[in-house]
Protein backbone atom coordinates (compact mmCIF):
# COMPACT_ATOMS: atom_id res chain seq x y z
CA UNK A 1 -71.28 -58.81 -39.99
CA UNK A 2 -72.58 -58.55 -43.53
CA UNK A 3 -69.78 -57.79 -45.86
CA UNK A 4 -72.06 -57.38 -48.77
CA UNK A 5 -73.87 -54.23 -47.06
CA UNK A 6 -73.57 -50.79 -48.51
CA UNK A 7 -71.31 -49.98 -45.23
CA UNK A 8 -68.89 -52.68 -45.92
CA UNK A 9 -68.72 -52.17 -49.98
CA UNK A 10 -68.49 -48.73 -49.34
CA UNK A 11 -65.80 -48.88 -46.65
CA UNK A 12 -63.41 -51.74 -48.07
CA UNK A 13 -64.09 -49.54 -52.08
CA UNK A 14 -62.69 -46.51 -50.09
CA UNK A 15 -59.73 -47.99 -48.17
CA UNK A 16 -58.57 -50.32 -51.10
CA UNK A 17 -58.46 -47.00 -53.23
CA UNK A 18 -56.27 -45.46 -50.38
CA UNK A 19 -54.30 -48.11 -50.18
CA UNK A 20 -53.95 -48.57 -53.96
CA UNK A 21 -52.93 -45.09 -54.18
CA UNK A 22 -50.71 -44.07 -50.91
CA UNK A 23 -49.76 -46.67 -49.13
CA UNK A 24 -48.66 -49.41 -51.73
CA UNK A 25 -46.73 -46.79 -54.08
CA UNK A 26 -45.19 -45.55 -51.22
CA UNK A 27 -43.72 -48.99 -49.66
CA UNK A 28 -42.38 -49.67 -53.25
CA UNK A 29 -40.82 -46.85 -52.81
CA UNK A 30 -38.51 -47.83 -50.03
CA UNK A 31 -37.63 -51.01 -50.96
CA UNK A 32 -36.02 -52.02 -54.27
CA UNK A 33 -36.53 -55.81 -55.08
CA UNK A 34 -37.92 -57.78 -57.55
CA UNK A 35 -41.61 -57.41 -57.96
CA UNK A 36 -42.73 -60.66 -56.17
CA UNK A 37 -40.81 -59.75 -53.17
CA UNK A 38 -42.32 -56.09 -53.22
CA UNK A 39 -46.23 -57.64 -53.58
CA UNK A 40 -45.27 -59.84 -50.51
CA UNK A 41 -43.77 -57.19 -48.67
CA UNK A 42 -46.75 -55.21 -49.33
CA UNK A 43 -49.19 -57.48 -48.73
CA UNK A 44 -47.91 -58.65 -45.45
CA UNK A 45 -48.13 -54.56 -44.19
CA UNK A 46 -51.91 -54.16 -45.99
CA UNK A 47 -53.71 -57.22 -44.68
CA UNK A 48 -52.96 -57.31 -40.96
CA UNK A 49 -53.75 -52.93 -41.30
CA UNK A 50 -57.31 -54.42 -42.92
CA UNK A 51 -57.75 -56.34 -39.86
CA UNK A 52 -56.44 -53.50 -37.80
CA UNK A 53 -58.92 -51.10 -39.02
CA UNK A 54 -61.66 -53.39 -39.32
CA UNK A 55 -61.40 -54.20 -36.26
CA UNK A 56 -61.17 -50.44 -34.72
CA UNK A 57 -64.45 -49.06 -37.03
CA UNK A 58 -66.25 -52.39 -36.38
CA UNK A 59 -68.87 -49.99 -33.90
CA UNK A 60 -69.38 -48.11 -37.16
CA UNK A 61 -69.94 -50.84 -39.22
CA UNK A 62 -72.34 -52.85 -37.76
């Protein structure tokens, strides 16, 4: 696994953009807690999602 290869950089950049502008605002709109709790809940959803997507696309990335 070469984290600094062009494929990984592009992959995580696109995944980060999708997460930052679609998934996180959607999650935050569903809950109404303090900002710290919202960050914890969002992280608990996003980090496993990154792990799952990376495993599913492992063949493309290597």
